[in-house]
Amino acid sequence: PLIKPLLEETNQSFEVDPARLDPSEDIEENRRNLIALTQKVFDAIVSSADKFPPQLRSMCHCLYQVLSKRFPQFPQNNIGAVGTVIFLRFINPAIVSPQEMGIVNKQK
């Protein structure tokens, strides 16, 4: 639900790199757009925790247990490491390449 409108709506920009900014764009407006979108994505992720597949939940638990045994002095880092794995392996590819992940139809 968050990705499809982004592919269809071309009048909103999220570019905040001054070197890549189109002269007609306002970097502050783009920054606000990016913050609003990031908040929507974060909220969608948090609110969908109950839909997280049990197999992945088990894998996360096992990973956390292994990290906790190896690095018992850093429990917060272990939680962060599990979150990083989920983000880099599942969430980021879905955002960057929704067509490849089967979230939206491939563009022709």
PDB file of N, CA and C in Angstrom:
ATOM      1  N   PRO A   1       0.801  -1.222   0.000  1.00  0.00           N
ATOM      2  CA  PRO A   1       0.000   0.000   0.000  1.00  0.00           C
ATOM      3  C   PRO A   1       0.841   1.283   0.000  1.00  0.00           C
ATOM      4  N   LEU A   2       2.048   1.217   0.529  1.00  0.00           N
ATOM      5  CA  LEU A   2       2.895   2.412   0.547  1.00  0.00           C
ATOM      6  C   LEU A   2       3.723   2.552  -0.722  1.00  0.00           C
ATOM      7  N   ILE A   3       4.048   1.456  -1.352  1.00  0.00           N
ATOM      8  CA  ILE A   3       4.949   1.502  -2.501  1.00  0.00           C
ATOM      9  C   ILE A   3       4.218   1.833  -3.798  1.00  0.00           C
ATOM     10  N   LYS A   4       3.056   1.245  -4.007  1.00  0.00           N
ATOM     11  CA  LYS A   4       2.337   1.462  -5.267  1.00  0.00           C
ATOM     12  C   LYS A   4       2.070   2.934  -5.552  1.00  0.00           C
ATOM     13  N   PRO A   5       1.592   3.712  -4.583  1.00  0.00           N
ATOM     14  CA  PRO A   5       1.382   5.144  -4.878  1.00  0.00           C
ATOM     15  C   PRO A   5       2.671   5.880  -5.263  1.00  0.00           C
ATOM     16  N   LEU A   6       3.788   5.459  -4.724  1.00  0.00           N
ATOM     17  CA  LEU A   6       5.057   6.095  -5.067  1.00  0.00           C
ATOM     18  C   LEU A   6       5.421   5.871  -6.526  1.00  0.00           C
ATOM     19  N   LEU A   7       5.061   4.713  -7.050  1.00  0.00           N
ATOM     20  CA  LEU A   7       5.357   4.403  -8.445  1.00  0.00           C
ATOM     21  C   LEU A   7       4.418   5.134  -9.395  1.00  0.00           C
ATOM     22  N   GLU A   8       3.206   5.412  -8.921  1.00  0.00           N
ATOM     23  CA  GLU A   8       2.210   6.071  -9.763  1.00  0.00           C
ATOM     24  C   GLU A   8       2.282   7.587  -9.668  1.00  0.00           C
ATOM     25  N   GLU A   9       2.656   8.112  -8.521  1.00  0.00           N
ATOM     26  CA  GLU A   9       2.678   9.556  -8.284  1.00  0.00           C
ATOM     27  C   GLU A   9       4.075  10.095  -8.583  1.00  0.00           C
ATOM     28  N   THR A  10       4.178  10.885  -9.649  1.00  0.00           N
ATOM     29  CA  THR A  10       5.495  11.365 -10.060  1.00  0.00           C
ATOM     30  C   THR A  10       5.747  12.820  -9.679  1.00  0.00           C
ATOM     31  N   ASN A  11       4.772  13.488  -9.085  1.00  0.00           N
ATOM     32  CA  ASN A  11       4.946  14.911  -8.782  1.00  0.00           C
ATOM     33  C   ASN A  11       5.561  15.160  -7.408  1.00  0.00           C
ATOM     34  N   GLN A  12       5.847  14.117  -6.657  1.00  0.00           N
ATOM     35  CA  GLN A  12       6.434  14.279  -5.332  1.00  0.00           C
ATOM     36  C   GLN A  12       7.873  13.777  -5.367  1.00  0.00           C
ATOM     37  N   SER A  13       8.783  14.578  -4.832  1.00  0.00           N
ATOM     38  CA  SER A  13      10.198  14.205  -4.839  1.00  0.00           C
ATOM     39  C   SER A  13      10.702  14.006  -3.417  1.00  0.00           C
ATOM     40  N   PHE A  14      11.695  13.124  -3.300  1.00  0.00           N
ATOM     41  CA  PHE A  14      12.292  12.821  -2.003  1.00  0.00           C
ATOM     42  C   PHE A  14      13.803  13.058  -2.012  1.00  0.00           C
ATOM     43  N   GLU A  15      14.300  13.628  -3.079  1.00  0.00           N
ATOM     44  CA  GLU A  15      15.742  13.844  -3.227  1.00  0.00           C
ATOM     45  C   GLU A  15      16.223  14.921  -2.263  1.00  0.00           C
ATOM     46  N   VAL A  16      17.234  14.581  -1.464  1.00  0.00           N
ATOM     47  CA  VAL A  16      17.781  15.538  -0.509  1.00  0.00           C
ATOM     48  C   VAL A  16      19.285  15.758  -0.715  1.00  0.00           C
ATOM     49  N   ASP A  17      19.836  15.169  -1.740  1.00  0.00           N
ATOM     50  CA  ASP A  17      21.243  15.380  -2.073  1.00  0.00           C
ATOM     51  C   ASP A  17      21.326  16.612  -2.978  1.00  0.00           C
ATOM     52  N   PRO A  18      21.939  17.698  -2.493  1.00  0.00           N
ATOM     53  CA  PRO A  18      22.007  18.922  -3.296  1.00  0.00           C
ATOM     54  C   PRO A  18      22.644  18.709  -4.670  1.00  0.00           C
ATOM     55  N   ALA A  19      23.570  17.780  -4.779  1.00  0.00           N
ATOM     56  CA  ALA A  19      24.228  17.526  -6.059  1.00  0.00           C
ATOM     57  C   ALA A  19      23.290  16.867  -7.065  1.00  0.00           C
ATOM     58  N   ARG A  20      22.252  16.210  -6.594  1.00  0.00           N
ATOM     59  CA  ARG A  20      21.318  15.503  -7.485  1.00  0.00           C
ATOM     60  C   ARG A  20      19.979  16.209  -7.611  1.00  0.00           C
ATOM     61  N   LEU A  21      19.839  17.314  -6.926  1.00  0.00           N
ATOM     62  CA  LEU A  21      18.575  18.041  -6.884  1.00  0.00           C
ATOM     63  C   LEU A  21      18.302  18.744  -8.206  1.00  0.00           C
ATOM     64  N   ASP A  22      17.099  18.578  -8.703  1.00  0.00           N
ATOM     65  CA  ASP A  22      16.669  19.295  -9.905  1.00  0.00           C
ATOM     66  C   ASP A  22      16.505  20.768  -9.544  1.00  0.00           C
ATOM     67  N   PRO A  23      16.876  21.688 -10.432  1.00  0.00           N
ATOM     68  CA  PRO A  23      16.770  23.117 -10.099  1.00  0.00           C
ATOM     69  C   PRO A  23      15.356  23.571  -9.712  1.00  0.00           C
ATOM     70  N   SER A  24      14.342  22.863 -10.187  1.00  0.00           N
ATOM     71  CA  SER A  24      12.968  23.259  -9.871  1.00  0.00           C
ATOM     72  C   SER A  24      12.480  22.708  -8.536  1.00  0.00           C
ATOM     73  N   GLU A  25      13.305  21.895  -7.876  1.00  0.00           N
ATOM     74  CA  GLU A  25      12.895  21.274  -6.621  1.00  0.00           C
ATOM     75  C   GLU A  25      13.336  22.085  -5.414  1.00  0.00           C
ATOM     76  N   ASP A  26      12.566  21.952  -4.349  1.00  0.00           N
ATOM     77  CA  ASP A  26      12.860  22.607  -3.077  1.00  0.00           C
ATOM     78  C   ASP A  26      13.352  21.543  -2.108  1.00  0.00           C
ATOM     79  N   ILE A  27      14.597  21.654  -1.694  1.00  0.00           N
ATOM     80  CA  ILE A  27      15.200  20.625  -0.837  1.00  0.00           C
ATOM     81  C   ILE A  27      14.470  20.495   0.499  1.00  0.00           C
ATOM     82  N   GLU A  28      13.952  21.587   1.037  1.00  0.00           N
ATOM     83  CA  GLU A  28      13.219  21.517   2.317  1.00  0.00           C
ATOM     84  C   GLU A  28      11.889  20.785   2.141  1.00  0.00           C
ATOM     85  N   GLU A  29      11.216  21.018   1.046  1.00  0.00           N
ATOM     86  CA  GLU A  29       9.966  20.296   0.775  1.00  0.00           C
ATOM     87  C   GLU A  29      10.260  18.804   0.592  1.00  0.00           C
ATOM     88  N   ASN A  30      11.333  18.508  -0.137  1.00  0.00           N
ATOM     89  CA  ASN A  30      11.719  17.108  -0.333  1.00  0.00           C
ATOM     90  C   ASN A  30      12.081  16.448   0.998  1.00  0.00           C
ATOM     91  N   ARG A  31      12.743  17.199   1.866  1.00  0.00           N
ATOM     92  CA  ARG A  31      13.098  16.677   3.186  1.00  0.00           C
ATOM     93  C   ARG A  31      11.835  16.349   3.981  1.00  0.00           C
ATOM     94  N   ARG A  32      10.854  17.236   3.934  1.00  0.00           N
ATOM     95  CA  ARG A  32       9.587  16.971   4.629  1.00  0.00           C
ATOM     96  C   ARG A  32       8.880  15.749   4.029  1.00  0.00           C
ATOM     97  N   ASN A  33       8.910  15.650   2.693  1.00  0.00           N
ATOM     98  CA  ASN A  33       8.318  14.484   2.029  1.00  0.00           C
ATOM     99  C   ASN A  33       8.996  13.194   2.486  1.00  0.00           C
ATOM    100  N   LEU A  34      10.317  13.232   2.554  1.00  0.00           N
ATOM    101  CA  LEU A  34      11.083  12.048   2.948  1.00  0.00           C
ATOM    102  C   LEU A  34      10.808  11.664   4.398  1.00  0.00           C
ATOM    103  N   ILE A  35      10.755  12.641   5.280  1.00  0.00           N
ATOM    104  CA  ILE A  35      10.466  12.360   6.696  1.00  0.00           C
ATOM    105  C   ILE A  35       9.060  11.781   6.843  1.00  0.00           C
ATOM    106  N   ALA A  36       8.085  12.355   6.150  1.00  0.00           N
ATOM    107  CA  ALA A  36       6.705  11.856   6.237  1.00  0.00           C
ATOM    108  C   ALA A  36       6.610  10.424   5.709  1.00  0.00           C
ATOM    109  N   LEU A  37       7.275  10.157   4.598  1.00  0.00           N
ATOM    110  CA  LEU A  37       7.244   8.807   4.036  1.00  0.00           C
ATOM    111  C   LEU A  37       7.949   7.816   4.956  1.00  0.00           C
ATOM    112  N   THR A  38       9.085   8.212   5.496  1.00  0.00           N
ATOM    113  CA  THR A  38       9.815   7.347   6.417  1.00  0.00           C
ATOM    114  C   THR A  38       8.967   7.005   7.631  1.00  0.00           C
ATOM    115  N   GLN A  39       8.246   7.981   8.154  1.00  0.00           N
ATOM    116  CA  GLN A  39       7.373   7.733   9.306  1.00  0.00           C
ATOM    117  C   GLN A  39       6.254   6.762   8.941  1.00  0.00           C
ATOM    118  N   LYS A  40       5.682   6.905   7.740  1.00  0.00           N
ATOM    119  CA  LYS A  40       4.627   5.987   7.299  1.00  0.00           C
ATOM    120  C   LYS A  40       5.160   4.559   7.184  1.00  0.00           C
ATOM    121  N   VAL A  41       6.352   4.429   6.605  1.00  0.00           N
ATOM    122  CA  VAL A  41       6.948   3.097   6.451  1.00  0.00           C
ATOM    123  C   VAL A  41       7.234   2.490   7.819  1.00  0.00           C
ATOM    124  N   PHE A  42       7.820   3.275   8.706  1.00  0.00           N
ATOM    125  CA  PHE A  42       8.123   2.790  10.051  1.00  0.00           C
ATOM    126  C   PHE A  42       6.844   2.357  10.768  1.00  0.00           C
ATOM    127  N   ASP A  43       5.814   3.184  10.704  1.00  0.00           N
ATOM    128  CA  ASP A  43       4.539   2.847  11.353  1.00  0.00           C
ATOM    129  C   ASP A  43       3.947   1.569  10.777  1.00  0.00           C
ATOM    130  N   ALA A  44       4.043   1.412   9.446  1.00  0.00           N
ATOM    131  CA  ALA A  44       3.508   0.206   8.806  1.00  0.00           C
ATOM    132  C   ALA A  44       4.272  -1.037   9.260  1.00  0.00           C
ATOM    133  N   ILE A  45       5.576  -0.909   9.400  1.00  0.00           N
ATOM    134  CA  ILE A  45       6.384  -2.046   9.855  1.00  0.00           C
ATOM    135  C   ILE A  45       6.021  -2.418  11.285  1.00  0.00           C
ATOM    136  N   VAL A  46       5.958  -1.431  12.155  1.00  0.00           N
ATOM    137  CA  VAL A  46       5.658  -1.686  13.570  1.00  0.00           C
ATOM    138  C   VAL A  46       4.252  -2.271  13.729  1.00  0.00           C
ATOM    139  N   SER A  47       3.290  -1.721  12.990  1.00  0.00           N
ATOM    140  CA  SER A  47       1.915  -2.194  13.147  1.00  0.00           C
ATOM    141  C   SER A  47       1.683  -3.568  12.516  1.00  0.00           C
ATOM    142  N   SER A  48       2.627  -4.044  11.725  1.00  0.00           N
ATOM    143  CA  SER A  48       2.448  -5.357  11.100  1.00  0.00           C
ATOM    144  C   SER A  48       3.218  -6.455  11.816  1.00  0.00           C
ATOM    145  N   ALA A  49       3.717  -6.177  13.010  1.00  0.00           N
ATOM    146  CA  ALA A  49       4.509  -7.166  13.755  1.00  0.00           C
ATOM    147  C   ALA A  49       3.742  -8.462  13.972  1.00  0.00           C
ATOM    148  N   ASP A  50       2.424  -8.391  14.153  1.00  0.00           N
ATOM    149  CA  ASP A  50       1.636  -9.608  14.378  1.00  0.00           C
ATOM    150  C   ASP A  50       1.536 -10.472  13.117  1.00  0.00           C
ATOM    151  N   LYS A  51       1.884  -9.903  11.952  1.00  0.00           N
ATOM    152  CA  LYS A  51       1.842 -10.651  10.699  1.00  0.00           C
ATOM    153  C   LYS A  51       3.209 -11.222  10.332  1.00  0.00           C
ATOM    154  N   PHE A  52       4.197 -10.992  11.171  1.00  0.00           N
ATOM    155  CA  PHE A  52       5.554 -11.477  10.916  1.00  0.00           C
ATOM    156  C   PHE A  52       5.533 -12.998  10.921  1.00  0.00           C
ATOM    157  N   PRO A  53       6.028 -13.631   9.855  1.00  0.00           N
ATOM    158  CA  PRO A  53       5.946 -15.095   9.757  1.00  0.00           C
ATOM    159  C   PRO A  53       6.621 -15.802  10.941  1.00  0.00           C
ATOM    160  N   PRO A  54       5.967 -16.825  11.478  1.00  0.00           N
ATOM    161  CA  PRO A  54       6.519 -17.529  12.631  1.00  0.00           C
ATOM    162  C   PRO A  54       7.903 -18.129  12.368  1.00  0.00           C
ATOM    163  N   GLN A  55       8.164 -18.560  11.135  1.00  0.00           N
ATOM    164  CA  GLN A  55       9.471 -19.129  10.812  1.00  0.00           C
ATOM    165  C   GLN A  55      10.567 -18.062  10.938  1.00  0.00           C
ATOM    166  N   LEU A  56      10.277 -16.856  10.475  1.00  0.00           N
ATOM    167  CA  LEU A  56      11.249 -15.770  10.602  1.00  0.00           C
ATOM    168  C   LEU A  56      11.391 -15.335  12.053  1.00  0.00           C
ATOM    169  N   ARG A  57      10.301 -15.345  12.773  1.00  0.00           N
ATOM    170  CA  ARG A  57      10.345 -15.012  14.204  1.00  0.00           C
ATOM    171  C   ARG A  57      11.263 -15.996  14.929  1.00  0.00           C
ATOM    172  N   SER A  58      11.149 -17.271  14.589  1.00  0.00           N
ATOM    173  CA  SER A  58      11.991 -18.300  15.194  1.00  0.00           C
ATOM    174  C   SER A  58      13.454 -18.102  14.801  1.00  0.00           C
ATOM    175  N   MET A  59      13.689 -17.774  13.526  1.00  0.00           N
ATOM    176  CA  MET A  59      15.050 -17.522  13.064  1.00  0.00           C
ATOM    177  C   MET A  59      15.654 -16.325  13.803  1.00  0.00           C
ATOM    178  N   CYS A  60      14.878 -15.280  14.009  1.00  0.00           N
ATOM    179  CA  CYS A  60      15.359 -14.102  14.746  1.00  0.00           C
ATOM    180  C   CYS A  60      15.692 -14.469  16.191  1.00  0.00           C
ATOM    181  N   HIS A  61      14.837 -15.272  16.795  1.00  0.00           N
ATOM    182  CA  HIS A  61      15.080 -15.699  18.171  1.00  0.00           C
ATOM    183  C   HIS A  61      16.374 -16.509  18.259  1.00  0.00           C
ATOM    184  N   CYS A  62      16.570 -17.429  17.317  1.00  0.00           N
ATOM    185  CA  CYS A  62      17.799 -18.240  17.317  1.00  0.00           C
ATOM    186  C   CYS A  62      19.030 -17.361  17.112  1.00  0.00           C
ATOM    187  N   LEU A  63      18.943 -16.445  16.191  1.00  0.00           N
ATOM    188  CA  LEU A  63      20.066 -15.534  15.945  1.00  0.00           C
ATOM    189  C   LEU A  63      20.375 -14.723  17.192  1.00  0.00           C
ATOM    190  N   TYR A  64      19.336 -14.218  17.840  1.00  0.00           N
ATOM    191  CA  TYR A  64      19.541 -13.450  19.069  1.00  0.00           C
ATOM    192  C   TYR A  64      20.195 -14.310  20.157  1.00  0.00           C
ATOM    193  N   GLN A  65      19.754 -15.556  20.285  1.00  0.00           N
ATOM    194  CA  GLN A  65      20.331 -16.449  21.295  1.00  0.00           C
ATOM    195  C   GLN A  65      21.819 -16.694  21.020  1.00  0.00           C
ATOM    196  N   VAL A  66      22.171 -16.934  19.768  1.00  0.00           N
ATOM    197  CA  VAL A  66      23.573 -17.164  19.408  1.00  0.00           C
ATOM    198  C   VAL A  66      24.406 -15.920  19.712  1.00  0.00           C
ATOM    199  N   LEU A  67      23.902 -14.765  19.322  1.00  0.00           N
ATOM    200  CA  LEU A  67      24.626 -13.517  19.581  1.00  0.00           C
ATOM    201  C   LEU A  67      24.755 -13.242  21.075  1.00  0.00           C
ATOM    202  N   SER A  68      23.709 -13.547  21.825  1.00  0.00           N
ATOM    203  CA  SER A  68      23.739 -13.315  23.269  1.00  0.00           C
ATOM    204  C   SER A  68      24.770 -14.188  23.970  1.00  0.00           C
ATOM    205  N   LYS A  69      24.930 -15.405  23.480  1.00  0.00           N
ATOM    206  CA  LYS A  69      25.956 -16.279  24.063  1.00  0.00           C
ATOM    207  C   LYS A  69      27.355 -15.790  23.699  1.00  0.00           C
ATOM    208  N   ARG A  70      27.496 -15.316  22.469  1.00  0.00           N
ATOM    209  CA  ARG A  70      28.810 -14.866  22.002  1.00  0.00           C
ATOM    210  C   ARG A  70      29.175 -13.501  22.574  1.00  0.00           C
ATOM    211  N   PHE A  71      28.202 -12.623  22.705  1.00  0.00           N
ATOM    212  CA  PHE A  71      28.431 -11.253  23.182  1.00  0.00           C
ATOM    213  C   PHE A  71      27.472 -10.920  24.326  1.00  0.00           C
ATOM    214  N   PRO A  72      27.598 -11.575  25.474  1.00  0.00           N
ATOM    215  CA  PRO A  72      26.637 -11.362  26.569  1.00  0.00           C
ATOM    216  C   PRO A  72      26.694  -9.956  27.165  1.00  0.00           C
ATOM    217  N   GLN A  73      27.780  -9.270  26.988  1.00  0.00           N
ATOM    218  CA  GLN A  73      27.928  -7.931  27.570  1.00  0.00           C
ATOM    219  C   GLN A  73      27.226  -6.849  26.738  1.00  0.00           C
ATOM    220  N   PHE A  74      26.704  -7.189  25.550  1.00  0.00           N
ATOM    221  CA  PHE A  74      26.092  -6.188  24.680  1.00  0.00           C
ATOM    222  C   PHE A  74      24.696  -6.612  24.220  1.00  0.00           C
ATOM    223  N   PRO A  75      23.725  -6.765  25.120  1.00  0.00           N
ATOM    224  CA  PRO A  75      22.395  -7.240  24.696  1.00  0.00           C
ATOM    225  C   PRO A  75      21.711  -6.301  23.706  1.00  0.00           C
ATOM    226  N   GLN A  76      21.873  -4.998  23.869  1.00  0.00           N
ATOM    227  CA  GLN A  76      21.235  -4.055  22.931  1.00  0.00           C
ATOM    228  C   GLN A  76      21.833  -4.183  21.535  1.00  0.00           C
ATOM    229  N   ASN A  77      23.141  -4.409  21.464  1.00  0.00           N
ATOM    230  CA  ASN A  77      23.774  -4.594  20.156  1.00  0.00           C
ATOM    231  C   ASN A  77      23.262  -5.859  19.480  1.00  0.00           C
ATOM    232  N   ASN A  78      22.977  -6.883  20.271  1.00  0.00           N
ATOM    233  CA  ASN A  78      22.464  -8.130  19.712  1.00  0.00           C
ATOM    234  C   ASN A  78      21.077  -7.923  19.110  1.00  0.00           C
ATOM    235  N   ILE A  79      20.246  -7.175  19.791  1.00  0.00           N
ATOM    236  CA  ILE A  79      18.922  -6.857  19.249  1.00  0.00           C
ATOM    237  C   ILE A  79      19.078  -6.050  17.971  1.00  0.00           C
ATOM    238  N   GLY A  80      19.971  -5.085  17.990  1.00  0.00           N
ATOM    239  CA  GLY A  80      20.230  -4.269  16.799  1.00  0.00           C
ATOM    240  C   GLY A  80      20.735  -5.101  15.633  1.00  0.00           C
ATOM    241  N   ALA A  81      21.573  -6.085  15.926  1.00  0.00           N
ATOM    242  CA  ALA A  81      22.091  -6.947  14.859  1.00  0.00           C
ATOM    243  C   ALA A  81      20.965  -7.748  14.207  1.00  0.00           C
ATOM    244  N   VAL A  82      20.051  -8.257  15.001  1.00  0.00           N
ATOM    245  CA  VAL A  82      18.906  -8.998  14.452  1.00  0.00           C
ATOM    246  C   VAL A  82      18.055  -8.057  13.594  1.00  0.00           C
ATOM    247  N   GLY A  83      17.809  -6.856  14.082  1.00  0.00           N
ATOM    248  CA  GLY A  83      17.050  -5.875  13.311  1.00  0.00           C
ATOM    249  C   GLY A  83      17.733  -5.514  12.009  1.00  0.00           C
ATOM    250  N   THR A  84      19.051  -5.415  12.053  1.00  0.00           N
ATOM    251  CA  THR A  84      19.812  -5.102  10.845  1.00  0.00           C
ATOM    252  C   THR A  84      19.672  -6.203   9.804  1.00  0.00           C
ATOM    253  N   VAL A  85      19.731  -7.448  10.244  1.00  0.00           N
ATOM    254  CA  VAL A  85      19.561  -8.569   9.319  1.00  0.00           C
ATOM    255  C   VAL A  85      18.191  -8.497   8.649  1.00  0.00           C
ATOM    256  N   ILE A  86      17.151  -8.287   9.435  1.00  0.00           N
ATOM    257  CA  ILE A  86      15.793  -8.222   8.879  1.00  0.00           C
ATOM    258  C   ILE A  86      15.678  -7.050   7.908  1.00  0.00           C
ATOM    259  N   PHE A  87      16.214  -5.908   8.311  1.00  0.00           N
ATOM    260  CA  PHE A  87      16.117  -4.733   7.439  1.00  0.00           C
ATOM    261  C   PHE A  87      16.872  -4.948   6.134  1.00  0.00           C
ATOM    262  N   LEU A  88      18.130  -5.375   6.225  1.00  0.00           N
ATOM    263  CA  LEU A  88      18.948  -5.489   5.016  1.00  0.00           C
ATOM    264  C   LEU A  88      18.523  -6.644   4.120  1.00  0.00           C
ATOM    265  N   ARG A  89      18.009  -7.704   4.703  1.00  0.00           N
ATOM    266  CA  ARG A  89      17.647  -8.874   3.902  1.00  0.00           C
ATOM    267  C   ARG A  89      16.231  -8.808   3.339  1.00  0.00           C
ATOM    268  N   PHE A  90      15.299  -8.171   4.064  1.00  0.00           N
ATOM    269  CA  PHE A  90      13.901  -8.214   3.644  1.00  0.00           C
ATOM    270  C   PHE A  90      13.295  -6.842   3.352  1.00  0.00           C
ATOM    271  N   ILE A  91      13.440  -5.910   4.266  1.00  0.00           N
ATOM    272  CA  ILE A  91      12.756  -4.623   4.103  1.00  0.00           C
ATOM    273  C   ILE A  91      13.409  -3.774   3.021  1.00  0.00           C
ATOM    274  N   ASN A  92      14.728  -3.615   3.090  1.00  0.00           N
ATOM    275  CA  ASN A  92      15.405  -2.790   2.100  1.00  0.00           C
ATOM    276  C   ASN A  92      15.185  -3.279   0.666  1.00  0.00           C
ATOM    277  N   PRO A  93      15.358  -4.572   0.367  1.00  0.00           N
ATOM    278  CA  PRO A  93      15.099  -5.012  -1.012  1.00  0.00           C
ATOM    279  C   PRO A  93      13.656  -4.758  -1.461  1.00  0.00           C
ATOM    280  N   ALA A  94      12.711  -4.869  -0.546  1.00  0.00           N
ATOM    281  CA  ALA A  94      11.314  -4.621  -0.907  1.00  0.00           C
ATOM    282  C   ALA A  94      11.086  -3.158  -1.265  1.00  0.00           C
ATOM    283  N   ILE A  95      11.812  -2.261  -0.608  1.00  0.00           N
ATOM    284  CA  ILE A  95      11.670  -0.830  -0.897  1.00  0.00           C
ATOM    285  C   ILE A  95      12.420  -0.460  -2.172  1.00  0.00           C
ATOM    286  N   VAL A  96      13.628  -0.977  -2.320  1.00  0.00           N
ATOM    287  CA  VAL A  96      14.482  -0.607  -3.448  1.00  0.00           C
ATOM    288  C   VAL A  96      14.019  -1.256  -4.751  1.00  0.00           C
ATOM    289  N   SER A  97      13.588  -2.508  -4.698  1.00  0.00           N
ATOM    290  CA  SER A  97      13.205  -3.247  -5.908  1.00  0.00           C
ATOM    291  C   SER A  97      11.886  -3.974  -5.708  1.00  0.00           C
ATOM    292  N   PRO A  98      10.786  -3.235  -5.566  1.00  0.00           N
ATOM    293  CA  PRO A  98       9.506  -3.913  -5.320  1.00  0.00           C
ATOM    294  C   PRO A  98       9.097  -4.848  -6.453  1.00  0.00           C
ATOM    295  N   GLN A  99       9.521  -4.536  -7.686  1.00  0.00           N
ATOM    296  CA  GLN A  99       9.201  -5.421  -8.812  1.00  0.00           C
ATOM    297  C   GLN A  99       9.901  -6.763  -8.646  1.00  0.00           C
ATOM    298  N   GLU A 100      11.176  -6.731  -8.265  1.00  0.00           N
ATOM    299  CA  GLU A 100      11.950  -7.969  -8.110  1.00  0.00           C
ATOM    300  C   GLU A 100      11.456  -8.806  -6.934  1.00  0.00           C
ATOM    301  N   MET A 101      10.900  -8.156  -5.923  1.00  0.00           N
ATOM    302  CA  MET A 101      10.419  -8.868  -4.748  1.00  0.00           C
ATOM    303  C   MET A 101       8.968  -9.335  -4.900  1.00  0.00           C
ATOM    304  N   GLY A 102       8.353  -9.033  -6.047  1.00  0.00           N
ATOM    305  CA  GLY A 102       6.990  -9.478  -6.305  1.00  0.00           C
ATOM    306  C   GLY A 102       5.918  -8.665  -5.598  1.00  0.00           C
ATOM    307  N   ILE A 103       6.274  -7.465  -5.124  1.00  0.00           N
ATOM    308  CA  ILE A 103       5.309  -6.630  -4.420  1.00  0.00           C
ATOM    309  C   ILE A 103       4.406  -5.904  -5.415  1.00  0.00           C
ATOM    310  N   VAL A 104       4.991  -5.482  -6.512  1.00  0.00           N
ATOM    311  CA  VAL A 104       4.226  -4.840  -7.581  1.00  0.00           C
ATOM    312  C   VAL A 104       4.577  -5.540  -8.879  1.00  0.00           C
ATOM    313  N   ASN A 105       3.722  -5.378  -9.880  1.00  0.00           N
ATOM    314  CA  ASN A 105       3.988  -5.983 -11.188  1.00  0.00           C
ATOM    315  C   ASN A 105       5.186  -5.314 -11.826  1.00  0.00           C
ATOM    316  N   LYS A 106       5.943  -6.100 -12.572  1.00  0.00           N
ATOM    317  CA  LYS A 106       7.098  -5.535 -13.272  1.00  0.00           C
ATOM    318  C   LYS A 106       6.617  -4.543 -14.318  1.00  0.00           C
ATOM    319  N   GLN A 107       7.350  -3.432 -14.416  1.00  0.00           N
ATOM    320  CA  GLN A 107       7.001  -2.426 -15.400  1.00  0.00           C
ATOM    321  C   GLN A 107       7.457  -2.897 -16.777  1.00  0.00           C
ATOM    322  N   LYS A 108       6.604  -2.642 -17.765  1.00  0.00           N
ATOM    323  CA  LYS A 108       6.922  -3.085 -19.135  1.00  0.00           C
ATOM    324  C   LYS A 108       7.596  -1.995 -19.908  1.00  0.00           C
TER     325      LYS A 108
END
